[in-house]
Every structure is written in structure tokens, then in C-alpha cells.
Amino acid sequence: MPLDPFAESAAETPEEETARLTREGVWQAVMRTDEGRKVLASILRNLGLFSPVVGERMAGRHEAAILLAREMMSANDTLAEMILTETMRDDQAF
């Protein structure tokens, strides 16, 4: 059976791999600093990651927070989990 010429390839091009590795490195550099963790936690909190979703606007903000958390997890899941846990604890304190 012939291969589908329009099938998407799962393989990254060298340029895509370089971009991904650079992006992951930047994320890790930010998450390793106290200031970076505070900023990310503040953004997640302001987007309402741990707040109830009411209405379309809040749903959009919540989705943005989820996408941010996914980026963080893909770069370094241990640091991301630490930031998310700290953010959730701080959010519950309010």
C-alpha cells in the first residue's frame, strides 16, 4: 500500500528541534529563579487557573492558564509541579 503523501510527519525538522530546545531552555531558566517562579505564579493566579470557570471570558482565561501550565510542564515537569503547588496553596490562602 503506498504511503499517503499528505500524511503529517511526526518527525521534527532540525529547525523545529532547535526552536523547541531553545524554548525549553528559556522556560527552565525562568522557572529556576525565584523571580521567574513568582511571575509565573502571578500570571497563573490572575488567569484564574484555580478559580471556578463562569462564562466565556473566564473560560478563555482558564484555557490560557492551562496552556501556560502545559508549556511549563513540557520544559521541566518537576519545577512546574512545584510552581503549581505553591500557586495553589497561595491561592487557597486568600
C-alpha atoms as a PDB file:
ATOM      1  CA  MET A   1       0.000   0.000   0.000  1.00  0.00           C
ATOM      2  CA  PRO A   2       1.507   3.373  -0.961  1.00  0.00           C
ATOM      3  CA  LEU A   3       2.215   5.943   1.728  1.00  0.00           C
ATOM      4  CA  ASP A   4      -0.101   8.921   1.956  1.00  0.00           C
ATOM      5  CA  PRO A   5       1.857  11.897   0.548  1.00  0.00           C
ATOM      6  CA  PHE A   6      -0.314  14.262   2.585  1.00  0.00           C
ATOM      7  CA  ALA A   7       0.142  12.489   5.897  1.00  0.00           C
ATOM      8  CA  GLU A   8       1.673  14.642   8.591  1.00  0.00           C
ATOM      9  CA  SER A   9       5.081  13.551   9.746  1.00  0.00           C
ATOM     10  CA  ALA A  10       5.666  13.290  13.475  1.00  0.00           C
ATOM     11  CA  ALA A  11       9.375  13.920  12.978  1.00  0.00           C
ATOM     12  CA  GLU A  12      10.727  17.382  13.682  1.00  0.00           C
ATOM     13  CA  THR A  13      12.829  19.233  11.206  1.00  0.00           C
ATOM     14  CA  PRO A  14      16.236  20.326  12.505  1.00  0.00           C
ATOM     15  CA  GLU A  15      14.943  23.898  12.733  1.00  0.00           C
ATOM     16  CA  GLU A  16      11.885  22.811  14.733  1.00  0.00           C
ATOM     17  CA  GLU A  17      14.048  20.770  17.082  1.00  0.00           C
ATOM     18  CA  THR A  18      16.398  23.715  17.639  1.00  0.00           C
ATOM     19  CA  ALA A  19      13.460  26.032  18.333  1.00  0.00           C
ATOM     20  CA  ARG A  20      11.899  23.549  20.773  1.00  0.00           C
ATOM     21  CA  LEU A  21      15.160  23.022  22.661  1.00  0.00           C
ATOM     22  CA  THR A  22      15.764  26.771  22.852  1.00  0.00           C
ATOM     23  CA  ARG A  23      12.222  27.389  24.108  1.00  0.00           C
ATOM     24  CA  GLU A  24      12.552  24.638  26.728  1.00  0.00           C
ATOM     25  CA  GLY A  25      15.874  26.113  27.860  1.00  0.00           C
ATOM     26  CA  VAL A  26      14.343  29.552  28.291  1.00  0.00           C
ATOM     27  CA  TRP A  27      11.406  28.109  30.249  1.00  0.00           C
ATOM     28  CA  GLN A  28      13.770  26.218  32.547  1.00  0.00           C
ATOM     29  CA  ALA A  29      15.919  29.305  33.093  1.00  0.00           C
ATOM     30  CA  VAL A  30      12.845  31.314  34.123  1.00  0.00           C
ATOM     31  CA  MET A  31      11.448  28.577  36.367  1.00  0.00           C
ATOM     32  CA  ARG A  32      14.757  28.175  38.189  1.00  0.00           C
ATOM     33  CA  THR A  33      14.743  31.734  39.540  1.00  0.00           C
ATOM     34  CA  ASP A  34      12.652  32.965  42.459  1.00  0.00           C
ATOM     35  CA  GLU A  35      11.516  35.974  40.448  1.00  0.00           C
ATOM     36  CA  GLY A  36      10.541  33.803  37.491  1.00  0.00           C
ATOM     37  CA  ARG A  37       8.517  31.448  39.672  1.00  0.00           C
ATOM     38  CA  LYS A  38       6.753  34.400  41.309  1.00  0.00           C
ATOM     39  CA  VAL A  39       5.883  35.924  37.941  1.00  0.00           C
ATOM     40  CA  LEU A  40       4.580  32.630  36.547  1.00  0.00           C
ATOM     41  CA  ALA A  41       2.550  32.010  39.711  1.00  0.00           C
ATOM     42  CA  SER A  42       1.094  35.514  39.490  1.00  0.00           C
ATOM     43  CA  ILE A  43       0.149  35.027  35.836  1.00  0.00           C
ATOM     44  CA  LEU A  44      -1.488  31.662  36.569  1.00  0.00           C
ATOM     45  CA  ARG A  45      -3.377  33.143  39.504  1.00  0.00           C
ATOM     46  CA  ASN A  46      -4.511  36.200  37.514  1.00  0.00           C
ATOM     47  CA  LEU A  47      -5.705  33.971  34.676  1.00  0.00           C
ATOM     48  CA  GLY A  48      -7.799  32.090  37.204  1.00  0.00           C
ATOM     49  CA  LEU A  49      -6.267  28.639  36.950  1.00  0.00           C
ATOM     50  CA  PHE A  50      -7.705  27.644  40.328  1.00  0.00           C
ATOM     51  CA  SER A  51     -10.896  29.704  40.132  1.00  0.00           C
ATOM     52  CA  PRO A  52     -14.336  28.486  39.054  1.00  0.00           C
ATOM     53  CA  VAL A  53     -15.000  28.971  35.356  1.00  0.00           C
ATOM     54  CA  VAL A  54     -18.066  31.160  34.857  1.00  0.00           C
ATOM     55  CA  GLY A  55     -18.790  32.493  31.387  1.00  0.00           C
ATOM     56  CA  GLU A  56     -16.948  32.568  28.102  1.00  0.00           C
ATOM     57  CA  ARG A  57     -14.387  35.179  29.103  1.00  0.00           C
ATOM     58  CA  MET A  58     -13.345  33.195  32.166  1.00  0.00           C
ATOM     59  CA  ALA A  59     -13.235  30.009  30.095  1.00  0.00           C
ATOM     60  CA  GLY A  60     -10.800  31.685  27.710  1.00  0.00           C
ATOM     61  CA  ARG A  61      -8.601  32.907  30.554  1.00  0.00           C
ATOM     62  CA  HIS A  62      -8.688  29.462  32.148  1.00  0.00           C
ATOM     63  CA  GLU A  63      -7.677  27.836  28.846  1.00  0.00           C
ATOM     64  CA  ALA A  64      -4.746  30.276  28.568  1.00  0.00           C
ATOM     65  CA  ALA A  65      -3.653  29.285  32.088  1.00  0.00           C
ATOM     66  CA  ILE A  66      -3.834  25.609  31.149  1.00  0.00           C
ATOM     67  CA  LEU A  67      -1.743  26.212  28.031  1.00  0.00           C
ATOM     68  CA  LEU A  68       0.832  28.091  30.107  1.00  0.00           C
ATOM     69  CA  ALA A  69       0.951  25.243  32.619  1.00  0.00           C
ATOM     70  CA  ARG A  70       1.414  22.724  29.781  1.00  0.00           C
ATOM     71  CA  GLU A  71       4.350  24.708  28.404  1.00  0.00           C
ATOM     72  CA  MET A  72       5.887  24.782  31.853  1.00  0.00           C
ATOM     73  CA  MET A  73       5.361  21.027  32.290  1.00  0.00           C
ATOM     74  CA  SER A  74       6.896  20.226  28.912  1.00  0.00           C
ATOM     75  CA  ALA A  75      10.021  22.182  29.785  1.00  0.00           C
ATOM     76  CA  ASN A  76      10.533  20.792  33.306  1.00  0.00           C
ATOM     77  CA  ASP A  77       7.736  18.891  34.975  1.00  0.00           C
ATOM     78  CA  THR A  78       9.360  18.891  38.431  1.00  0.00           C
ATOM     79  CA  LEU A  79       9.771  22.679  38.556  1.00  0.00           C
ATOM     80  CA  ALA A  80       6.331  23.196  37.025  1.00  0.00           C
ATOM     81  CA  GLU A  81       4.674  20.970  39.629  1.00  0.00           C
ATOM     82  CA  MET A  82       6.439  22.891  42.380  1.00  0.00           C
ATOM     83  CA  ILE A  83       5.229  26.226  40.980  1.00  0.00           C
ATOM     84  CA  LEU A  84       1.674  24.934  40.514  1.00  0.00           C
ATOM     85  CA  THR A  85       1.588  23.541  44.055  1.00  0.00           C
ATOM     86  CA  GLU A  86       2.889  26.800  45.542  1.00  0.00           C
ATOM     87  CA  THR A  87       0.410  28.798  43.476  1.00  0.00           C
ATOM     88  CA  MET A  88      -2.497  26.613  44.547  1.00  0.00           C
ATOM     89  CA  ARG A  89      -1.511  26.904  48.223  1.00  0.00           C
ATOM     90  CA  ASP A  90      -1.155  30.684  47.953  1.00  0.00           C
ATOM     91  CA  ASP A  91      -4.471  30.936  46.107  1.00  0.00           C
ATOM     92  CA  GLN A  92      -6.248  28.959  48.826  1.00  0.00           C
ATOM     93  CA  ALA A  93      -4.773  31.254  51.477  1.00  0.00           C
ATOM     94  CA  PHE A  94      -6.704  34.259  50.089  1.00  0.00           C
END
